[in-house]
Protein backbone atom coordinates (compact mmCIF):
# COMPACT_ATOMS: atom_id res chain seq x y z
CA MET A 1 141.06 -77.29 10.62
CA ARG A 2 143.61 -75.86 13.04
CA ARG A 3 142.34 -74.07 16.13
CA GLU A 4 142.84 -70.30 16.01
CA THR A 5 143.52 -68.22 19.07
CA HIS A 6 141.85 -64.81 19.06
CA ASP A 7 143.55 -63.44 22.15
CA LEU A 8 146.68 -61.53 21.20
CA ALA A 9 148.21 -62.18 24.61
CA GLU A 10 148.06 -65.90 23.89
CA LEU A 11 149.73 -65.74 20.49
CA ILE A 12 153.22 -65.85 21.98
CA ASP A 13 154.53 -68.26 24.60
CA ASP A 14 157.57 -66.42 25.95
CA ARG A 15 159.32 -68.03 28.94
CA PRO A 16 162.94 -66.81 29.15
CA ASN A 17 163.61 -68.63 32.42
CA ASP A 18 162.78 -71.88 30.64
CA GLU A 19 164.62 -70.77 27.49
CA HIS A 20 161.44 -71.25 25.50
CA PHE A 21 159.78 -69.04 22.89
CA ALA A 22 157.03 -69.96 20.44
CA TYR A 23 154.27 -68.21 18.53
CA HIS A 24 150.92 -69.57 17.45
CA ARG A 25 150.65 -70.22 13.73
CA SER A 26 147.36 -68.35 13.50
CA ALA A 27 149.56 -65.23 13.47
CA LEU A 28 150.37 -66.34 9.91
CA THR A 29 146.86 -67.29 8.80
CA SER A 30 144.29 -65.09 10.57
CA GLU A 31 142.59 -62.45 8.41
CA ASP A 32 141.68 -60.53 11.57
CA ILE A 33 145.30 -60.36 12.69
CA HIS A 34 146.35 -59.25 9.22
CA ARG A 35 143.81 -56.41 9.36
CA LEU A 36 145.13 -55.31 12.75
CA GLU A 37 148.70 -55.34 11.44
CA LEU A 38 147.82 -52.99 8.61
CA GLU A 39 145.87 -50.63 10.88
CA HIS A 40 148.08 -50.61 13.95
CA ILE A 41 151.58 -51.28 12.64
CA PHE A 42 151.86 -50.21 9.01
CA MET A 43 149.59 -47.18 9.29
CA ARG A 44 151.21 -45.96 12.53
CA THR A 45 154.95 -46.01 11.95
CA TRP A 46 157.62 -44.89 9.49
CA LEU A 47 157.77 -46.91 6.24
CA TYR A 48 160.47 -46.81 3.58
CA LEU A 49 159.36 -45.26 0.28
CA GLY A 50 162.47 -44.75 -1.85
CA HIS A 51 165.84 -43.10 -2.16
CA GLU A 52 166.50 -39.53 -3.27
CA SER A 53 168.99 -40.77 -5.87
CA GLU A 54 166.09 -42.32 -7.78
CA VAL A 55 164.88 -38.81 -8.69
CA PRO A 56 168.14 -36.93 -9.35
CA GLU A 57 166.81 -34.24 -11.72
CA PRO A 58 163.96 -31.71 -11.34
CA GLY A 59 160.75 -33.34 -12.53
CA ASP A 60 162.03 -36.91 -12.03
CA PHE A 61 159.46 -39.16 -10.36
CA VAL A 62 158.88 -42.74 -9.22
CA ARG A 63 155.62 -44.25 -8.07
CA ARG A 64 155.26 -46.81 -5.31
CA SER A 65 152.67 -48.61 -3.21
CA VAL A 66 153.32 -48.50 0.53
CA ALA A 67 151.08 -50.53 2.85
CA GLY A 68 148.53 -50.61 0.05
CA GLN A 69 148.59 -46.82 -0.31
CA PRO A 70 149.48 -45.46 -3.78
CA LEU A 71 152.14 -42.74 -3.60
CA PHE A 72 154.65 -41.05 -5.85
CA MET A 73 157.88 -39.21 -5.17
CA VAL A 74 158.98 -36.29 -7.35
CA ARG A 75 161.81 -33.76 -7.29
CA SER A 76 160.33 -30.27 -7.39
CA ARG A 77 161.14 -28.10 -10.40
CA THR A 78 160.95 -24.95 -8.27
CA THR A 79 162.80 -25.88 -5.07
CA GLY A 80 164.78 -29.00 -6.03
CA HIS A 81 163.43 -30.76 -2.95
CA VAL A 82 161.92 -34.24 -3.01
CA ARG A 83 158.15 -34.21 -2.52
CA VAL A 84 155.80 -37.12 -1.79
CA PHE A 85 152.10 -37.19 -2.69
CA ALA A 86 149.17 -39.58 -2.60
CA ASN A 87 148.71 -40.86 -6.13
CA THR A 88 145.07 -39.86 -6.41
CA CYS A 89 143.39 -36.83 -7.93
CA THR A 90 141.73 -34.53 -5.41
CA HIS A 91 138.79 -34.18 -7.81
CA ARG A 92 137.32 -37.67 -8.21
CA GLY A 93 140.13 -39.99 -7.19
CA ALA A 94 141.67 -41.12 -10.48
CA THR A 95 145.36 -42.06 -10.59
CA ILE A 96 147.56 -39.04 -11.25
CA CYS A 97 150.99 -40.59 -11.87
CA ARG A 98 150.43 -43.49 -14.28
CA ARG A 99 154.02 -44.54 -15.01
CA ASP A 100 156.49 -46.23 -12.67
CA ARG A 101 159.18 -43.64 -13.34
CA GLY A 102 160.01 -40.78 -15.65
CA ASN A 103 160.28 -37.01 -15.85
CA ALA A 104 157.37 -34.59 -15.96
CA LYS A 105 156.80 -30.85 -16.15
CA ALA A 106 153.40 -31.38 -14.51
CA PHE A 107 150.93 -34.17 -13.73
CA GLN A 108 147.59 -34.13 -15.52
CA CYS A 109 144.69 -36.32 -14.49
CA PHE A 110 143.54 -38.28 -17.54
CA TYR A 111 139.90 -38.23 -16.36
CA HIS A 112 139.03 -34.51 -16.29
CA ALA A 113 142.44 -32.96 -17.09
CA TRP A 114 143.05 -31.33 -13.73
CA THR A 115 146.75 -30.42 -13.77
CA PHE A 116 149.18 -30.25 -10.85
CA ASN A 117 152.76 -28.95 -10.81
CA THR A 118 155.69 -30.77 -9.20
CA ASP A 119 154.98 -29.01 -5.89
CA GLY A 120 151.49 -30.53 -5.90
CA ASN A 121 149.70 -27.25 -6.56
CA LEU A 122 146.58 -27.35 -8.73
CA VAL A 123 147.48 -25.15 -11.71
CA GLY A 124 144.92 -26.08 -14.36
CA VAL A 125 141.18 -26.79 -14.26
CA PRO A 126 139.15 -26.93 -17.50
CA ASP A 127 136.14 -24.58 -17.42
CA GLU A 128 137.08 -23.41 -13.93
CA SER A 129 134.47 -20.62 -14.02
CA ALA A 130 131.71 -23.20 -13.55
CA TYR A 131 132.69 -23.62 -9.90
CA GLY A 132 130.77 -21.47 -7.42
CA GLY A 133 131.72 -19.20 -4.55
CA ALA A 134 132.94 -21.96 -2.22
CA TRP A 135 135.55 -23.01 -4.76
CA ASP A 136 139.10 -22.83 -3.34
CA LYS A 137 141.63 -23.83 -5.93
CA ASP A 138 144.54 -23.48 -3.51
CA ALA A 139 142.98 -26.09 -1.22
CA MET A 140 142.69 -28.69 -3.98
CA GLY A 141 146.37 -29.49 -4.44
CA LEU A 142 147.77 -33.00 -4.21
CA ARG A 143 147.87 -34.36 -0.68
CA PRO A 144 151.09 -35.52 0.98
CA PRO A 145 151.07 -38.31 3.57
CA ALA A 146 150.96 -37.20 7.20
CA ARG A 147 154.78 -37.24 7.46
CA ALA A 148 157.62 -37.56 4.97
CA GLU A 149 161.28 -37.24 5.97
CA SER A 150 164.63 -38.53 4.77
CA TYR A 151 167.89 -39.61 6.35
CA ARG A 152 171.04 -39.82 4.21
CA GLY A 153 168.77 -39.94 1.14
CA PHE A 154 166.51 -42.73 2.44
CA VAL A 155 162.94 -41.38 2.22
CA PHE A 156 160.36 -42.61 4.72
CA VAL A 157 156.67 -41.79 5.08
CA SER A 158 154.12 -42.19 7.83
CA PHE A 159 150.35 -42.10 7.53
CA SER A 160 150.12 -40.93 11.13
CA HIS A 161 151.16 -37.55 12.54
CA ASP A 162 151.77 -39.20 15.91
CA VAL A 163 155.23 -40.62 15.23
CA PRO A 164 158.65 -39.48 16.50
CA GLU A 165 161.12 -37.65 14.29
CA LEU A 166 162.61 -40.03 11.72
CA ARG A 167 166.11 -39.69 13.20
CA ASP A 168 164.78 -40.74 16.60
CA HIS A 169 162.80 -43.60 15.10
CA LEU A 170 165.86 -44.98 13.30
CA ALA A 171 167.82 -45.01 16.58
CA GLY A 172 170.88 -47.27 16.27
CA ALA A 173 170.11 -48.05 12.63
CA ARG A 174 171.41 -44.58 11.72
CA ALA A 175 175.02 -45.62 12.34
CA CYS A 176 174.57 -48.63 10.06
CA LEU A 177 173.15 -46.42 7.30
CA ASP A 178 176.07 -44.04 7.78
CA ASP A 179 178.51 -46.89 7.24
CA LEU A 180 176.74 -47.87 4.03
CA MET A 181 176.67 -44.34 2.67
CA ASP A 182 180.32 -43.66 3.46
CA ALA A 183 181.84 -46.79 1.87
CA SER A 184 183.04 -45.30 -1.42
CA ALA A 185 186.09 -43.49 -2.71
CA GLU A 186 184.14 -40.23 -2.99
CA ALA A 187 182.86 -40.48 0.58
CA VAL A 188 186.31 -41.32 1.94
CA ALA A 189 187.74 -38.26 0.20
CA VAL A 190 185.14 -36.06 1.88
CA LEU A 191 185.55 -37.69 5.28
CA SER A 192 189.33 -37.29 5.16
CA SER A 193 189.01 -33.57 4.39
CA ASP A 194 187.88 -30.73 6.61
CA ARG A 195 184.72 -30.09 4.59
CA SER A 196 181.95 -28.81 6.81
CA ASP A 197 179.31 -30.97 5.15
CA ALA A 198 181.02 -34.14 6.35
CA ALA A 199 179.83 -34.27 9.92
CA ASP A 200 180.99 -36.85 12.41
CA SER A 201 179.75 -40.43 12.12
CA GLY A 202 179.22 -40.12 8.41
CA GLY A 203 177.56 -36.75 8.32
CA LYS A 204 174.11 -35.79 9.49
CA SER A 205 173.35 -33.42 6.64
CA TRP A 206 175.44 -34.91 3.85
CA THR A 207 173.51 -37.49 1.82
CA GLY A 208 176.60 -39.20 0.44
CA PRO A 209 177.48 -40.67 -2.94
CA LEU A 210 175.44 -43.88 -2.91
CA THR A 211 172.87 -44.26 -5.68
CA VAL A 212 170.07 -46.71 -6.44
CA LEU A 213 170.74 -48.37 -9.79
CA ARG A 214 168.09 -48.55 -12.50
CA GLY A 215 166.01 -51.69 -12.52
CA THR A 216 163.89 -53.37 -9.87
CA HIS A 217 163.71 -57.03 -8.90
CA GLN A 218 160.04 -57.58 -8.08
CA TYR A 219 158.41 -60.85 -7.09
CA GLY A 220 155.59 -62.29 -5.04
CA ILE A 221 155.64 -64.96 -2.36
CA LYS A 222 152.64 -67.03 -1.33
CA ALA A 223 153.41 -66.64 2.35
CA ASN A 224 152.79 -64.32 5.26
CA TRP A 225 155.09 -61.27 5.26
CA LYS A 226 156.51 -62.04 8.70
CA LEU A 227 158.10 -65.24 7.39
CA LEU A 228 160.32 -63.19 5.07
CA VAL A 229 161.22 -60.89 7.96
CA GLU A 230 162.40 -63.96 9.86
CA ASN A 231 164.24 -65.36 6.85
CA SER A 232 166.06 -62.14 6.00
CA PHE A 233 168.12 -62.07 9.18
CA ASP A 234 168.11 -65.74 10.09
CA GLY A 235 171.68 -67.00 10.11
CA TYR A 236 170.60 -70.56 10.96
CA HIS A 237 169.26 -71.40 7.47
CA LEU A 238 172.27 -70.29 5.42
CA ALA A 239 174.22 -73.55 5.20
CA PRO A 240 171.34 -76.02 4.68
CA THR A 241 169.12 -73.88 2.45
CA HIS A 242 171.84 -72.28 0.32
CA HIS A 243 174.25 -75.20 0.01
CA THR A 244 174.14 -74.82 -3.79
CA TYR A 245 175.59 -71.32 -3.49
CA PHE A 246 178.39 -72.49 -1.23
CA GLN A 247 179.20 -75.26 -3.71
CA PHE A 248 179.31 -72.60 -6.44
CA LEU A 249 181.87 -70.66 -4.37
CA LYS A 250 184.01 -73.77 -3.95
CA ASP A 251 183.89 -74.32 -7.71
CA GLN A 252 185.24 -70.74 -8.10
CA ASP A 253 188.21 -71.61 -5.84
CA VAL A 254 186.78 -69.61 -2.95
CA HIS A 255 187.91 -70.97 0.40
CA THR A 256 184.67 -71.48 2.32
CA GLU A 257 184.46 -71.64 6.07
CA PRO A 258 181.60 -71.24 8.57
CA SER A 259 180.43 -67.66 9.03
CA VAL A 260 181.00 -66.10 12.44
CA GLY A 261 179.01 -63.19 13.78
CA SER A 262 176.31 -61.90 16.06
CA CYS A 263 173.11 -59.90 16.18
CA ARG A 264 172.66 -56.47 17.76
CA GLN A 265 169.39 -54.84 18.77
CA LEU A 266 169.28 -51.21 17.60
CA GLY A 267 166.14 -49.94 19.32
CA ASN A 268 162.54 -49.42 18.15
CA GLY A 269 162.37 -52.93 16.71
CA HIS A 270 165.43 -52.53 14.45
CA ALA A 271 168.30 -55.03 14.48
CA VAL A 272 171.39 -55.96 12.52
CA LEU A 273 172.99 -59.34 11.89
CA GLU A 274 176.75 -58.87 11.41
CA TYR A 275 178.98 -61.70 10.26
CA THR A 276 182.05 -62.71 8.31
CA GLY A 277 181.68 -64.56 5.02
CA SER A 278 183.76 -66.52 2.55
CA TRP A 279 182.36 -64.54 -0.37
CA GLY A 280 183.69 -61.16 -1.41
CA ARG A 281 182.20 -57.72 -0.87
CA PRO A 282 182.16 -55.35 -3.87
CA VAL A 283 182.77 -52.43 -1.53
CA ALA A 284 186.33 -53.43 -0.57
CA LYS A 285 186.85 -57.18 -0.19
CA TRP A 286 188.04 -59.12 -3.22
CA SER A 287 187.09 -62.74 -3.91
CA PRO A 288 188.34 -65.15 -6.61
CA ALA A 289 184.73 -65.33 -7.80
CA PHE A 290 185.05 -61.67 -8.86
CA GLY A 291 187.93 -62.28 -11.27
CA GLU A 292 191.36 -60.65 -11.30
CA ASP A 293 190.31 -57.43 -13.06
CA SER A 294 188.80 -55.99 -9.87
CA HIS A 295 191.46 -57.29 -7.47
CA GLY A 296 193.70 -54.24 -7.34
CA GLN A 297 190.89 -51.70 -7.10
CA LEU A 298 189.09 -53.48 -4.27
CA ASP A 299 192.33 -53.90 -2.32
CA ALA A 300 193.11 -50.20 -2.78
CA MET A 301 189.65 -49.21 -1.59
CA ARG A 302 190.06 -51.43 1.45
CA ASP A 303 193.35 -49.71 2.28
CA ARG A 304 191.78 -46.25 1.93
CA LEU A 305 188.85 -47.13 4.17
CA ILE A 306 191.08 -48.43 6.94
CA ALA A 307 193.63 -45.60 6.64
CA THR A 308 190.90 -42.95 6.84
CA LEU A 309 188.39 -44.48 9.25
CA GLY A 310 190.44 -46.96 11.28
CA ASP A 311 188.39 -49.65 13.01
CA ARG A 312 185.21 -48.31 11.46
CA GLY A 313 186.74 -48.64 7.99
CA HIS A 314 187.89 -52.18 8.74
CA ARG A 315 184.37 -53.07 9.82
CA MET A 316 182.87 -51.51 6.69
CA ALA A 317 185.22 -53.53 4.48
CA GLU A 318 184.98 -56.88 6.25
CA LEU A 319 181.59 -57.35 7.89
CA ASN A 320 178.46 -58.48 6.10
CA ARG A 321 175.29 -56.93 7.45
CA ASN A 322 171.62 -57.75 7.23
CA LEU A 323 170.07 -54.57 8.64
CA PHE A 324 166.39 -54.68 9.58
CA ILE A 325 164.45 -51.43 9.91
CA TYR A 326 161.11 -52.27 11.49
CA PRO A 327 158.66 -53.29 10.22
CA ASN A 328 159.47 -54.21 6.59
CA LEU A 329 162.82 -52.90 5.26
CA PHE A 330 166.05 -54.86 4.97
CA VAL A 331 169.39 -53.54 3.79
CA MET A 332 171.36 -56.55 2.61
CA ASP A 333 175.04 -55.58 2.68
CA ASN A 334 176.90 -58.76 1.80
CA ASN A 335 178.01 -60.03 -1.61
CA ALA A 336 176.17 -57.03 -3.04
CA LEU A 337 174.25 -54.11 -1.53
CA ALA A 338 170.50 -54.28 -1.89
CA LEU A 339 167.33 -52.92 -0.35
CA ARG A 340 164.54 -55.43 0.24
CA VAL A 341 161.09 -53.94 0.81
CA ILE A 342 158.31 -56.27 1.97
CA GLN A 343 154.68 -55.28 1.30
CA PRO A 344 151.95 -57.53 2.74
CA THR A 345 149.07 -57.75 0.27
CA GLY A 346 147.11 -60.48 2.03
CA VAL A 347 147.41 -62.75 5.02
CA GLY A 348 149.14 -65.37 2.86
CA TYR A 349 150.76 -63.25 0.16
CA MET A 350 153.39 -60.54 -0.08
CA ASP A 351 155.00 -58.42 -2.77
CA VAL A 352 158.76 -57.95 -2.57
CA ALA A 353 160.83 -55.28 -4.30
CA GLN A 354 164.63 -55.29 -4.29
CA TYR A 355 166.86 -52.44 -5.40
CA GLU A 356 170.61 -52.55 -5.93
CA LEU A 357 172.77 -49.70 -4.61
CA ALA A 358 176.29 -48.68 -5.58
CA PRO A 359 178.70 -45.75 -5.25
CA ARG A 360 178.06 -43.33 -8.09
CA ASP A 361 181.82 -43.02 -8.70
CA GLU A 362 182.30 -46.79 -9.01
CA ASP A 363 184.61 -48.17 -11.68
CA ALA A 364 182.76 -49.91 -14.52
CA GLY A 365 184.56 -53.19 -13.87
CA VAL A 366 183.68 -53.18 -10.18
CA ARG A 367 180.09 -52.25 -11.07
CA ARG A 368 179.91 -55.32 -13.31
CA VAL A 369 181.23 -57.48 -10.47
CA ARG A 370 178.64 -56.00 -8.12
CA LEU A 371 175.72 -56.69 -10.45
CA GLU A 372 176.88 -60.19 -11.32
CA SER A 373 177.32 -60.98 -7.63
CA TYR A 374 173.79 -59.77 -6.86
CA VAL A 375 172.19 -61.67 -9.74
CA THR A 376 174.10 -64.86 -8.90
CA PHE A 377 172.97 -64.89 -5.29
CA ALA A 378 169.73 -62.91 -4.93
CA GLY A 379 168.51 -62.43 -8.51
CA PRO A 380 165.38 -64.00 -10.05
CA GLY A 381 167.33 -67.06 -11.17
CA GLY A 382 169.96 -66.82 -8.47
CA LEU A 383 171.22 -69.44 -6.08
CA ALA A 384 169.40 -68.05 -3.01
CA THR A 385 166.10 -66.27 -3.68
CA PRO A 386 164.32 -69.24 -5.32
CA ASP A 387 165.40 -71.44 -2.39
CA ASP A 388 164.04 -68.94 0.13
CA VAL A 389 160.74 -68.56 -1.74
CA GLU A 390 160.27 -72.32 -1.80
CA ALA A 391 161.05 -72.57 1.92
CA LEU A 392 158.66 -69.79 2.93
CA GLU A 393 155.78 -71.07 0.83
CA SER A 394 156.32 -74.49 2.39
CA CYS A 395 156.21 -72.92 5.87
CA GLN A 396 152.99 -71.11 4.99
CA ALA A 397 151.39 -74.37 3.89
CA GLY A 398 152.46 -75.91 7.20
CA ALA A 399 150.86 -73.05 9.13
CA ASP A 400 147.45 -74.57 8.38
CA SER A 401 148.32 -77.80 10.19
CA ALA A 402 145.65 -78.95 12.62
CA VAL A 403 148.24 -81.06 14.43
CA VAL A 404 151.21 -78.71 14.97
CA GLU A 405 150.05 -75.26 16.14
CA TRP A 406 153.24 -73.49 17.25
CA ASN A 407 156.47 -72.29 15.61
CA VAL A 408 159.44 -72.49 17.98
CA LEU A 409 162.19 -69.83 18.21
CA SER A 410 164.20 -70.99 21.22
CA ARG A 411 167.78 -71.10 19.92
CA ALA A 412 170.54 -69.35 21.88
CA PHE A 413 168.51 -67.62 24.57
CA HIS A 414 171.53 -66.26 26.41
CA ASP A 415 173.95 -65.28 23.66
CA ASP A 416 173.90 -63.36 20.39
CA ARG A 417 175.46 -65.91 18.02
CA MET A 418 174.54 -65.40 14.37
CA THR A 419 172.80 -68.78 14.16
CA GLY A 420 170.66 -67.92 17.15
CA GLU A 421 167.11 -66.58 17.10
CA ALA A 422 167.31 -63.61 19.47
CA GLN A 423 166.58 -61.16 16.66
CA LEU A 424 163.52 -63.14 15.62
CA ARG A 425 162.21 -63.19 19.18
CA GLU A 426 162.66 -59.43 19.50
CA PHE A 427 160.76 -58.88 16.26
CA TRP A 428 157.82 -60.95 17.49
CA ARG A 429 157.83 -59.23 20.88
CA ARG A 430 157.71 -55.82 19.21
CA TRP A 431 154.98 -57.04 16.84
CA GLN A 432 152.82 -58.27 19.72
CA SER A 433 153.43 -55.10 21.73
CA ASP A 434 152.35 -52.88 18.84
CA LEU A 435 149.14 -54.81 18.31
CA MET A 436 148.24 -55.00 21.98
CA ALA A 437 148.90 -51.28 22.48
CA SER A 438 146.06 -50.35 20.15
CA GLU A 439 142.67 -49.68 21.67
CA LEU A 440 141.01 -52.04 19.22
CA ALA A 441 143.37 -54.89 20.00
CA GLU A 442 143.00 -54.57 23.77
CA ALA A 443 139.41 -55.71 23.43
CA GLN A 444 140.63 -58.79 21.52
CA ILE A 445 139.79 -59.56 17.93
C-alpha cells in the first residue's frame, strides 16, 4: 500500500530554481482530498451549467448535474430570460424536472402535485386550505443557486454568494470566448456594421450566433478528474497517443507536420493552449479530409474574417485552441468546436459531457463536415477519445503504486512551448492554493 501524505503543503514539490515540479499521487487517490475539493473548490467558484442556445424558446428546459447538485435551466414564459433552479421540490424534496430536455408550461411535482411556473413561483397546491396561518405560498417557490450569470450565452452558476462577478472571474478567458462567438458569417456581418449591439472585442452585450447542437456525448472514466484536466491541454501527448489519427490524416492526403504553439495564462486559474495543426478547422480552414464540397465556402469565410477583423480574424481562422476555464470546463476549438465538462463523481471516477457548437447560419455541407470531423476525432468511436480514456485509466491504476509516489511535471520550466507543462503546473498550484486557503484545510486533513 502506498504511503499517503495528509499535509496539503507536502502534496506538491515545487522548486523552480531547480526546474523541478512534482505532485504526490495521493492527490489522485485520497477520499479526504476529494471531499475537500468538492467543498472548497467546486462549491466556492463559478461552474459551467449550459448555453442559452439550448433553451431558445419560452418554456424550453434542460436539466444538469453540477458538482453533484441537480439543477435545471429554463427560459421564462413571462420574461424570456433564462432561469436556473435547484431540481428539487420545496415541499418534500422530490425531483421536479424529470426529463433531460423539453418544453413545459409549468413543472409539477409527481409526488404531491405542487406546481411551479417557469419563473419558479409556486402556483398550484392541492387542498391548500389545509395549511395554517404560518403558510406563505410566495416563500415556497423553486430555489435558484446562490449565483447564476451568463457571458456571451455561456451560463455559469455558483453555490456561494462570495464570488466575484462572472466577467471578472473569467478574466482573460473572455477574449477567447469572444473569438469563438464571433467566428461566423452572421457575426462578421454585425461586426463590420455600425450596429450598437456589436461592442468592441466581440460585444459585451451581444450573445452572438453560436448555438449548441442537439445531442450530447456522455461517458465515464475510471480516473481522477484532474487527470482529464491535465490531458485536455497537454500538447506533449498528441503525437504518441494519437498516432492513429495522424496516420488517418496522411491517408486523406493531408500534409502533416509538427504542431507549433504555446500556452498563455489567463488569470484565475484559466489558461489556453494555442497551436497550429495539419488538420482543418470547420470555421474557416479547409483540409483535404473535408472533401471539395466545402472548399470554396471555408476559403470565403477565411477571407471575410481577415478582411473584417485583421490579425484577430487571421488568428480565429488559423489557431487551434484548448481553452481551460477553471476548474472543469474546456472549450476545444480545433478540428471541431466542442465543450467538455468534467464532473468528479468519486475520487477515482468522473462523468464527462461534450457538446458540439456551430454557427446557426452554417451551410448544411459545412455542418456535415463539422460533425464528421468531431465524431472522427473526439466521438465515442473516434480516433482520440478512446485512446485518452485508456491512458487516464492506466495512470489512475498507477497512482496506487507503493513504489513510485510522485508524478513529475518538469518540462519547459522557462518557456511556454506547447509541449511543455507550464499550464499543468499552474493548474496544480491554483488547486493547492484553493484547498489550503480554506479554514478546514489549514488544520490538515
